[in-house]
Amino acid sequence: MSILAVAIAIAIWAIAVALAPGTLIPGPLAVVRALGELAANGKLLRYAIASLFRVTWGFSLAVVIGIPLGLVLGWYRRGGQTIAPALQFLRPISPLAWIPLAILWFGVGDQSAIFLIFIATVLPLILTAMQAAANVPHVHIQAARNFGLSSFAIVRRVLLPAAVPQLVGGIRIALGIAWLVVVAAEMIAVNSGLGFLIVDARNAGDRYDLVVAGMLAIGIIGLALDSALRVAERRRFA
């Protein structure tokens, strides 16, 4: 069914472009040729690797810092209640609002984009981990204590297994945010990557076929990343 939906969408796209010959929007064949051009000159692979590099670093830092911190704050309720207002204050601030500060602190380059990805994903991960820890039934923790388990053992054998399903969902959402942010950051703060490809194609002679090809590549890679997490999730809970 999904393949049929894609085929119908492509057909509607081609017909719409054919009925409006003066439009700047390229048709499917033009986009396919643009993808072939990008693949032939190496830009598609090079820019995709650059974007994935930034996402990997920024998102990994967010996971390594955000999830343990969130679990600790969710475990120790008083600490969580103290920090939560500050987190809730920072969370609605768009990651793009940090771009001027990122450029000021790190200059134009990979570090700025990695910082923006980190900022965009660490807060949702902290809040997700806090909620996951808070949702663990207190009776389970009390039972573990009655059996003489240490705090470390309770975290490893009770807290983490109970929190993992919610954490996996939060990680999937945060990864989607990271992929969105890296594209936006590359349009402003760096001179490579798929986001930069779109802006560069627009500025270098209105190559809208390359613009749409870049958008298509972004969507395909984003779908592949989410699908990989879905597979890992199914295997984990199978």
Foldseek 3Di string as FASTA:
>chain_A
DVVVVVVVVLVVQQVVCVVPVPDLADHPVLLVVLLVVCVVVVQLVFQAVLLVVLLVLLLVVLLVPQQVLLLVCLQVVVNVVVCVVVLVVLQVDQLVVCQVVLCVVPNFDSSSLSVSLNSNQNSLLSPLNSVLQNPQDVVLVVVCVVVPDDPVCCCVPGSCVSSVVSNLVSSLVSSLRSLVSSLVCCCPRYCGHLNNQLNVCCVPPHNNSSNVSSVVSSVVVNVVVSVVSVVVVVVVVD
